[in-house]
Structures are given as C-alpha cells and as structure tokens.
Amino acid sequence: MLDIKVLGPGCANCRKLEEIARAAAAELGVEAQIEKVTDMDAILAWDVLKTPGLVVNGKLVSSGRIPAPGSVLDWLREAQG
C-alpha cells in the first residue's frame, strides 16, 4: 500500500493535489492511504516552504505547485518498486 501525504493548510490547490493523487492511485489500481497534513509544524518538518507538497512513501516529490497528473502517476509507479 502506498502512503501518500498532501501537505498544506487545506487551500484550493491542496484539494486539487489530493484529487490528482486519488485519481492517479485509482488509475494504477493500487491501494493508497492518503493523508492530509494541515499542521504547519508538520509541514515545515518536511522542509516545505511553499504548499502544496506531496510525499509518497516518505519521500517529498513535489512542493510549491500542482504537478501534472502524469508526473504524479510516474511517482506512484516508481514508489511501487
């Protein structure tokens, strides 16, 4: 199962990134636990200065932008091993 964290205060961009991550996991047919991290101390612990951020299996893969859906698919594929 993939562990995905969406880092951000809950803004529109954060919600969009969560939608993209959920769609990518569904497209790949993989189980994913998607957690929204809204606590600023927890977000800063990932060295994210600009939200939204995306963490896949403990690795920060994106921050400060909404990545293209294709990029998210690639990151989830890579995380599957």
PDB file of N, CA and C in Angstrom:
ATOM      1  N   MET A   1       0.834  -1.171   0.000  1.00  0.00           N
ATOM      2  CA  MET A   1       0.000   0.000   0.000  1.00  0.00           C
ATOM      3  C   MET A   1       0.889   1.248   0.000  1.00  0.00           C
ATOM      4  N   LEU A   2       0.526   2.217  -0.827  1.00  0.00           N
ATOM      5  CA  LEU A   2       1.279   3.461  -0.877  1.00  0.00           C
ATOM      6  C   LEU A   2       0.823   4.393   0.241  1.00  0.00           C
ATOM      7  N   ASP A   3       1.778   5.104   0.804  1.00  0.00           N
ATOM      8  CA  ASP A   3       1.490   6.100   1.829  1.00  0.00           C
ATOM      9  C   ASP A   3       1.699   7.475   1.199  1.00  0.00           C
ATOM     10  N   ILE A   4       0.608   8.202   1.022  1.00  0.00           N
ATOM     11  CA  ILE A   4       0.661   9.495   0.342  1.00  0.00           C
ATOM     12  C   ILE A   4       0.211  10.567   1.327  1.00  0.00           C
ATOM     13  N   LYS A   5       1.013  11.641   1.390  1.00  0.00           N
ATOM     14  CA  LYS A   5       0.645  12.767   2.241  1.00  0.00           C
ATOM     15  C   LYS A   5       0.539  14.019   1.372  1.00  0.00           C
ATOM     16  N   VAL A   6      -0.561  14.750   1.555  1.00  0.00           N
ATOM     17  CA  VAL A   6      -0.737  16.044   0.896  1.00  0.00           C
ATOM     18  C   VAL A   6      -0.504  17.089   1.978  1.00  0.00           C
ATOM     19  N   LEU A   7       0.533  17.898   1.790  1.00  0.00           N
ATOM     20  CA  LEU A   7       0.915  18.887   2.787  1.00  0.00           C
ATOM     21  C   LEU A   7       0.358  20.246   2.415  1.00  0.00           C
ATOM     22  N   GLY A   8      -0.413  20.833   3.296  1.00  0.00           N
ATOM     23  CA  GLY A   8      -0.946  22.162   3.048  1.00  0.00           C
ATOM     24  C   GLY A   8      -2.079  22.488   3.993  1.00  0.00           C
ATOM     25  N   PRO A   9      -2.439  23.779   4.059  1.00  0.00           N
ATOM     26  CA  PRO A   9      -3.440  24.227   5.021  1.00  0.00           C
ATOM     27  C   PRO A   9      -4.883  23.887   4.641  1.00  0.00           C
ATOM     28  N   GLY A  10      -5.098  23.293   3.492  1.00  0.00           N
ATOM     29  CA  GLY A  10      -6.462  22.963   3.080  1.00  0.00           C
ATOM     30  C   GLY A  10      -6.996  23.912   2.022  1.00  0.00           C
ATOM     31  N   CYS A  11      -6.095  24.606   1.351  1.00  0.00           N
ATOM     32  CA  CYS A  11      -6.478  25.566   0.316  1.00  0.00           C
ATOM     33  C   CYS A  11      -6.961  24.833  -0.947  1.00  0.00           C
ATOM     34  N   ALA A  12      -7.435  25.599  -1.902  1.00  0.00           N
ATOM     35  CA  ALA A  12      -7.941  25.013  -3.148  1.00  0.00           C
ATOM     36  C   ALA A  12      -6.862  24.197  -3.859  1.00  0.00           C
ATOM     37  N   ASN A  13      -5.623  24.688  -3.874  1.00  0.00           N
ATOM     38  CA  ASN A  13      -4.533  23.950  -4.525  1.00  0.00           C
ATOM     39  C   ASN A  13      -4.260  22.628  -3.820  1.00  0.00           C
ATOM     40  N   CYS A  14      -4.381  22.627  -2.499  1.00  0.00           N
ATOM     41  CA  CYS A  14      -4.166  21.393  -1.729  1.00  0.00           C
ATOM     42  C   CYS A  14      -5.252  20.367  -2.074  1.00  0.00           C
ATOM     43  N   ARG A  15      -6.482  20.839  -2.163  1.00  0.00           N
ATOM     44  CA  ARG A  15      -7.582  19.928  -2.504  1.00  0.00           C
ATOM     45  C   ARG A  15      -7.416  19.389  -3.923  1.00  0.00           C
ATOM     46  N   LYS A  16      -6.958  20.230  -4.838  1.00  0.00           N
ATOM     47  CA  LYS A  16      -6.735  19.800  -6.223  1.00  0.00           C
ATOM     48  C   LYS A  16      -5.642  18.724  -6.269  1.00  0.00           C
ATOM     49  N   LEU A  17      -4.570  18.936  -5.520  1.00  0.00           N
ATOM     50  CA  LEU A  17      -3.482  17.960  -5.487  1.00  0.00           C
ATOM     51  C   LEU A  17      -3.971  16.632  -4.908  1.00  0.00           C
ATOM     52  N   GLU A  18      -4.808  16.696  -3.881  1.00  0.00           N
ATOM     53  CA  GLU A  18      -5.363  15.470  -3.312  1.00  0.00           C
ATOM     54  C   GLU A  18      -6.207  14.732  -4.356  1.00  0.00           C
ATOM     55  N   GLU A  19      -7.014  15.464  -5.111  1.00  0.00           N
ATOM     56  CA  GLU A  19      -7.829  14.851  -6.181  1.00  0.00           C
ATOM     57  C   GLU A  19      -6.941  14.161  -7.209  1.00  0.00           C
ATOM     58  N   ILE A  20      -5.873  14.828  -7.617  1.00  0.00           N
ATOM     59  CA  ILE A  20      -4.948  14.263  -8.610  1.00  0.00           C
ATOM     60  C   ILE A  20      -4.311  12.977  -8.060  1.00  0.00           C
ATOM     61  N   ALA A  21      -3.891  13.005  -6.788  1.00  0.00           N
ATOM     62  CA  ALA A  21      -3.258  11.825  -6.174  1.00  0.00           C
ATOM     63  C   ALA A  21      -4.242  10.661  -6.094  1.00  0.00           C
ATOM     64  N   ARG A  22      -5.487  10.955  -5.698  1.00  0.00           N
ATOM     65  CA  ARG A  22      -6.502   9.893  -5.615  1.00  0.00           C
ATOM     66  C   ARG A  22      -6.782   9.305  -7.000  1.00  0.00           C
ATOM     67  N   ALA A  23      -6.889  10.170  -8.005  1.00  0.00           N
ATOM     68  CA  ALA A  23      -7.154   9.707  -9.370  1.00  0.00           C
ATOM     69  C   ALA A  23      -5.999   8.859  -9.894  1.00  0.00           C
ATOM     70  N   ALA A  24      -4.769   9.265  -9.595  1.00  0.00           N
ATOM     71  CA  ALA A  24      -3.596   8.515 -10.051  1.00  0.00           C
ATOM     72  C   ALA A  24      -3.558   7.130  -9.411  1.00  0.00           C
ATOM     73  N   ALA A  25      -3.836   7.064  -8.118  1.00  0.00           N
ATOM     74  CA  ALA A  25      -3.845   5.759  -7.430  1.00  0.00           C
ATOM     75  C   ALA A  25      -4.936   4.871  -8.009  1.00  0.00           C
ATOM     76  N   ALA A  26      -6.101   5.456  -8.267  1.00  0.00           N
ATOM     77  CA  ALA A  26      -7.212   4.681  -8.835  1.00  0.00           C
ATOM     78  C   ALA A  26      -6.859   4.189 -10.234  1.00  0.00           C
ATOM     79  N   GLU A  27      -6.221   5.059 -11.035  1.00  0.00           N
ATOM     80  CA  GLU A  27      -5.848   4.676 -12.404  1.00  0.00           C
ATOM     81  C   GLU A  27      -4.853   3.521 -12.407  1.00  0.00           C
ATOM     82  N   LEU A  28      -3.936   3.531 -11.432  1.00  0.00           N
ATOM     83  CA  LEU A  28      -2.947   2.453 -11.332  1.00  0.00           C
ATOM     84  C   LEU A  28      -3.519   1.211 -10.649  1.00  0.00           C
ATOM     85  N   GLY A  29      -4.681   1.376 -10.017  1.00  0.00           N
ATOM     86  CA  GLY A  29      -5.287   0.254  -9.323  1.00  0.00           C
ATOM     87  C   GLY A  29      -4.527  -0.158  -8.080  1.00  0.00           C
ATOM     88  N   VAL A  30      -3.895   0.803  -7.426  1.00  0.00           N
ATOM     89  CA  VAL A  30      -3.130   0.499  -6.208  1.00  0.00           C
ATOM     90  C   VAL A  30      -3.863   1.029  -4.987  1.00  0.00           C
ATOM     91  N   GLU A  31      -3.654   0.334  -3.888  1.00  0.00           N
ATOM     92  CA  GLU A  31      -4.202   0.811  -2.628  1.00  0.00           C
ATOM     93  C   GLU A  31      -3.315   1.933  -2.135  1.00  0.00           C
ATOM     94  N   ALA A  32      -3.933   3.000  -1.680  1.00  0.00           N
ATOM     95  CA  ALA A  32      -3.159   4.124  -1.162  1.00  0.00           C
ATOM     96  C   ALA A  32      -3.863   4.714   0.044  1.00  0.00           C
ATOM     97  N   GLN A  33      -3.067   5.001   1.051  1.00  0.00           N
ATOM     98  CA  GLN A  33      -3.574   5.722   2.207  1.00  0.00           C
ATOM     99  C   GLN A  33      -3.187   7.175   1.976  1.00  0.00           C
ATOM    100  N   ILE A  34      -4.182   8.032   1.799  1.00  0.00           N
ATOM    101  CA  ILE A  34      -3.913   9.436   1.524  1.00  0.00           C
ATOM    102  C   ILE A  34      -4.274  10.247   2.759  1.00  0.00           C
ATOM    103  N   GLU A  35      -3.267  10.934   3.266  1.00  0.00           N
ATOM    104  CA  GLU A  35      -3.434  11.716   4.493  1.00  0.00           C
ATOM    105  C   GLU A  35      -3.222  13.183   4.180  1.00  0.00           C
ATOM    106  N   LYS A  36      -4.108  14.020   4.696  1.00  0.00           N
ATOM    107  CA  LYS A  36      -3.937  15.459   4.567  1.00  0.00           C
ATOM    108  C   LYS A  36      -3.209  15.948   5.814  1.00  0.00           C
ATOM    109  N   VAL A  37      -2.089  16.625   5.611  1.00  0.00           N
ATOM    110  CA  VAL A  37      -1.312  17.164   6.721  1.00  0.00           C
ATOM    111  C   VAL A  37      -1.498  18.681   6.698  1.00  0.00           C
ATOM    112  N   THR A  38      -2.208  19.196   7.701  1.00  0.00           N
ATOM    113  CA  THR A  38      -2.506  20.630   7.728  1.00  0.00           C
ATOM    114  C   THR A  38      -1.733  21.373   8.823  1.00  0.00           C
ATOM    115  N   ASP A  39      -1.085  20.644   9.723  1.00  0.00           N
ATOM    116  CA  ASP A  39      -0.329  21.263  10.807  1.00  0.00           C
ATOM    117  C   ASP A  39       0.956  21.893  10.265  1.00  0.00           C
ATOM    118  N   MET A  40       1.106  23.201  10.458  1.00  0.00           N
ATOM    119  CA  MET A  40       2.259  23.898   9.871  1.00  0.00           C
ATOM    120  C   MET A  40       3.599  23.371  10.379  1.00  0.00           C
ATOM    121  N   ASP A  41       3.681  22.976  11.645  1.00  0.00           N
ATOM    122  CA  ASP A  41       4.933  22.420  12.157  1.00  0.00           C
ATOM    123  C   ASP A  41       5.282  21.123  11.431  1.00  0.00           C
ATOM    124  N   ALA A  42       4.265  20.294  11.183  1.00  0.00           N
ATOM    125  CA  ALA A  42       4.494  19.032  10.469  1.00  0.00           C
ATOM    126  C   ALA A  42       4.903  19.296   9.023  1.00  0.00           C
ATOM    127  N   ILE A  43       4.287  20.311   8.412  1.00  0.00           N
ATOM    128  CA  ILE A  43       4.629  20.659   7.030  1.00  0.00           C
ATOM    129  C   ILE A  43       6.073  21.169   6.958  1.00  0.00           C
ATOM    130  N   LEU A  44       6.439  22.042   7.891  1.00  0.00           N
ATOM    131  CA  LEU A  44       7.803  22.584   7.913  1.00  0.00           C
ATOM    132  C   LEU A  44       8.834  21.499   8.189  1.00  0.00           C
ATOM    133  N   ALA A  45       8.434  20.442   8.894  1.00  0.00           N
ATOM    134  CA  ALA A  45       9.353  19.328   9.163  1.00  0.00           C
ATOM    135  C   ALA A  45       9.786  18.642   7.863  1.00  0.00           C
ATOM    136  N   TRP A  46       8.972  18.770   6.824  1.00  0.00           N
ATOM    137  CA  TRP A  46       9.333  18.204   5.514  1.00  0.00           C
ATOM    138  C   TRP A  46      10.138  19.207   4.682  1.00  0.00           C
ATOM    139  N   ASP A  47      10.537  20.331   5.262  1.00  0.00           N
ATOM    140  CA  ASP A  47      11.259  21.401   4.552  1.00  0.00           C
ATOM    141  C   ASP A  47      10.436  21.960   3.397  1.00  0.00           C
ATOM    142  N   VAL A  48       9.123  21.989   3.562  1.00  0.00           N
ATOM    143  CA  VAL A  48       8.245  22.567   2.549  1.00  0.00           C
ATOM    144  C   VAL A  48       7.999  24.014   2.942  1.00  0.00           C
ATOM    145  N   LEU A  49       8.483  24.937   2.105  1.00  0.00           N
ATOM    146  CA  LEU A  49       8.307  26.352   2.390  1.00  0.00           C
ATOM    147  C   LEU A  49       7.086  26.905   1.680  1.00  0.00           C
ATOM    148  N   LYS A  50       6.676  26.236   0.614  1.00  0.00           N
ATOM    149  CA  LYS A  50       5.513  26.660  -0.143  1.00  0.00           C
ATOM    150  C   LYS A  50       4.632  25.455  -0.403  1.00  0.00           C
ATOM    151  N   THR A  51       3.348  25.580  -0.079  1.00  0.00           N
ATOM    152  CA  THR A  51       2.426  24.466  -0.278  1.00  0.00           C
ATOM    153  C   THR A  51       1.735  24.619  -1.626  1.00  0.00           C
ATOM    154  N   PRO A  52       1.140  23.573  -2.162  1.00  0.00           N
ATOM    155  CA  PRO A  52       1.011  22.251  -1.550  1.00  0.00           C
ATOM    156  C   PRO A  52       2.265  21.404  -1.754  1.00  0.00           C
ATOM    157  N   GLY A  53       2.417  20.431  -0.880  1.00  0.00           N
ATOM    158  CA  GLY A  53       3.509  19.482  -1.001  1.00  0.00           C
ATOM    159  C   GLY A  53       2.938  18.076  -1.135  1.00  0.00           C
ATOM    160  N   LEU A  54       3.705  17.205  -1.779  1.00  0.00           N
ATOM    161  CA  LEU A  54       3.274  15.813  -1.952  1.00  0.00           C
ATOM    162  C   LEU A  54       4.398  14.888  -1.511  1.00  0.00           C
ATOM    163  N   VAL A  55       4.056  13.978  -0.596  1.00  0.00           N
ATOM    164  CA  VAL A  55       5.017  12.990  -0.085  1.00  0.00           C
ATOM    165  C   VAL A  55       4.484  11.613  -0.451  1.00  0.00           C
ATOM    166  N   VAL A  56       5.339  10.805  -1.073  1.00  0.00           N
ATOM    167  CA  VAL A  56       4.963   9.438  -1.439  1.00  0.00           C
ATOM    168  C   VAL A  56       5.938   8.486  -0.750  1.00  0.00           C
ATOM    169  N   ASN A  57       5.397   7.614   0.098  1.00  0.00           N
ATOM    170  CA  ASN A  57       6.209   6.643   0.846  1.00  0.00           C
ATOM    171  C   ASN A  57       7.413   7.301   1.528  1.00  0.00           C
ATOM    172  N   GLY A  58       7.162   8.434   2.179  1.00  0.00           N
ATOM    173  CA  GLY A  58       8.212   9.083   2.952  1.00  0.00           C
ATOM    174  C   GLY A  58       9.177   9.936   2.160  1.00  0.00           C
ATOM    175  N   LYS A  59       8.920  10.129   0.866  1.00  0.00           N
ATOM    176  CA  LYS A  59       9.814  10.927   0.024  1.00  0.00           C
ATOM    177  C   LYS A  59       9.049  12.129  -0.518  1.00  0.00           C
ATOM    178  N   LEU A  60       9.581  13.334  -0.257  1.00  0.00           N
ATOM    179  CA  LEU A  60       8.965  14.547  -0.791  1.00  0.00           C
ATOM    180  C   LEU A  60       9.227  14.585  -2.293  1.00  0.00           C
ATOM    181  N   VAL A  61       8.170  14.569  -3.087  1.00  0.00           N
ATOM    182  CA  VAL A  61       8.332  14.544  -4.541  1.00  0.00           C
ATOM    183  C   VAL A  61       7.947  15.865  -5.200  1.00  0.00           C
ATOM    184  N   SER A  62       7.201  16.710  -4.486  1.00  0.00           N
ATOM    185  CA  SER A  62       6.764  17.966  -5.077  1.00  0.00           C
ATOM    186  C   SER A  62       6.420  18.956  -3.983  1.00  0.00           C
ATOM    187  N   SER A  63       6.709  20.234  -4.235  1.00  0.00           N
ATOM    188  CA  SER A  63       6.251  21.276  -3.311  1.00  0.00           C
ATOM    189  C   SER A  63       6.133  22.595  -4.052  1.00  0.00           C
ATOM    190  N   GLY A  64       5.178  23.396  -3.585  1.00  0.00           N
ATOM    191  CA  GLY A  64       5.009  24.732  -4.124  1.00  0.00           C
ATOM    192  C   GLY A  64       4.275  24.823  -5.441  1.00  0.00           C
ATOM    193  N   ARG A  65       3.705  23.720  -5.903  1.00  0.00           N
ATOM    194  CA  ARG A  65       2.994  23.736  -7.189  1.00  0.00           C
ATOM    195  C   ARG A  65       2.043  22.555  -7.262  1.00  0.00           C
ATOM    196  N   ILE A  66       1.179  22.598  -8.254  1.00  0.00           N
ATOM    197  CA  ILE A  66       0.324  21.447  -8.530  1.00  0.00           C
ATOM    198  C   ILE A  66       0.975  20.707  -9.694  1.00  0.00           C
ATOM    199  N   PRO A  67       1.523  19.531  -9.441  1.00  0.00           N
ATOM    200  CA  PRO A  67       2.190  18.793 -10.518  1.00  0.00           C
ATOM    201  C   PRO A  67       1.186  18.259 -11.539  1.00  0.00           C
ATOM    202  N   ALA A  68       1.681  17.995 -12.724  1.00  0.00           N
ATOM    203  CA  ALA A  68       0.847  17.409 -13.769  1.00  0.00           C
ATOM    204  C   ALA A  68       0.417  16.009 -13.342  1.00  0.00           C
ATOM    205  N   PRO A  69      -0.825  15.619 -13.683  1.00  0.00           N
ATOM    206  CA  PRO A  69      -1.285  14.271 -13.328  1.00  0.00           C
ATOM    207  C   PRO A  69      -0.329  13.176 -13.798  1.00  0.00           C
ATOM    208  N   GLY A  70       0.280  13.348 -14.960  1.00  0.00           N
ATOM    209  CA  GLY A  70       1.227  12.353 -15.468  1.00  0.00           C
ATOM    210  C   GLY A  70       2.443  12.197 -14.566  1.00  0.00           C
ATOM    211  N   SER A  71       2.898  13.310 -13.994  1.00  0.00           N
ATOM    212  CA  SER A  71       4.034  13.257 -13.072  1.00  0.00           C
ATOM    213  C   SER A  71       3.661  12.480 -11.814  1.00  0.00           C
ATOM    214  N   VAL A  72       2.458  12.716 -11.297  1.00  0.00           N
ATOM    215  CA  VAL A  72       2.011  12.007 -10.096  1.00  0.00           C
ATOM    216  C   VAL A  72       1.913  10.511 -10.387  1.00  0.00           C
ATOM    217  N   LEU A  73       1.396  10.164 -11.554  1.00  0.00           N
ATOM    218  CA  LEU A  73       1.343   8.742 -11.947  1.00  0.00           C
ATOM    219  C   LEU A  73       2.745   8.134 -11.934  1.00  0.00           C
ATOM    220  N   ASP A  74       3.713   8.850 -12.505  1.00  0.00           N
ATOM    221  CA  ASP A  74       5.089   8.352 -12.554  1.00  0.00           C
ATOM    222  C   ASP A  74       5.652   8.145 -11.144  1.00  0.00           C
ATOM    223  N   TRP A  75       5.403   9.097 -10.245  1.00  0.00           N
ATOM    224  CA  TRP A  75       5.915   8.981  -8.878  1.00  0.00           C
ATOM    225  C   TRP A  75       5.293   7.792  -8.153  1.00  0.00           C
ATOM    226  N   LEU A  76       4.007   7.570  -8.380  1.00  0.00           N
ATOM    227  CA  LEU A  76       3.348   6.437  -7.708  1.00  0.00           C
ATOM    228  C   LEU A  76       3.861   5.114  -8.282  1.00  0.00           C
ATOM    229  N   ARG A  77       4.073   5.070  -9.587  1.00  0.00           N
ATOM    230  CA  ARG A  77       4.641   3.848 -10.210  1.00  0.00           C
ATOM    231  C   ARG A  77       6.010   3.553  -9.626  1.00  0.00           C
ATOM    232  N   GLU A  78       6.829   4.599  -9.548  1.00  0.00           N
ATOM    233  CA  GLU A  78       8.192   4.464  -9.026  1.00  0.00           C
ATOM    234  C   GLU A  78       8.163   3.979  -7.575  1.00  0.00           C
ATOM    235  N   ALA A  79       7.227   4.497  -6.800  1.00  0.00           N
ATOM    236  CA  ALA A  79       7.146   4.135  -5.373  1.00  0.00           C
ATOM    237  C   ALA A  79       6.697   2.689  -5.183  1.00  0.00           C
ATOM    238  N   GLN A  80       5.988   2.149  -6.183  1.00  0.00           N
ATOM    239  CA  GLN A  80       5.561   0.749  -6.088  1.00  0.00           C
ATOM    240  C   GLN A  80       6.735  -0.203  -6.167  1.00  0.00           C
ATOM    241  N   GLY A  81       7.823   0.260  -6.784  1.00  0.00           N
ATOM    242  CA  GLY A  81       9.006  -0.583  -6.913  1.00  0.00           C
ATOM    243  C   GLY A  81       8.899  -1.378  -8.140  1.00  0.00           C
TER     244      GLY A  81
END
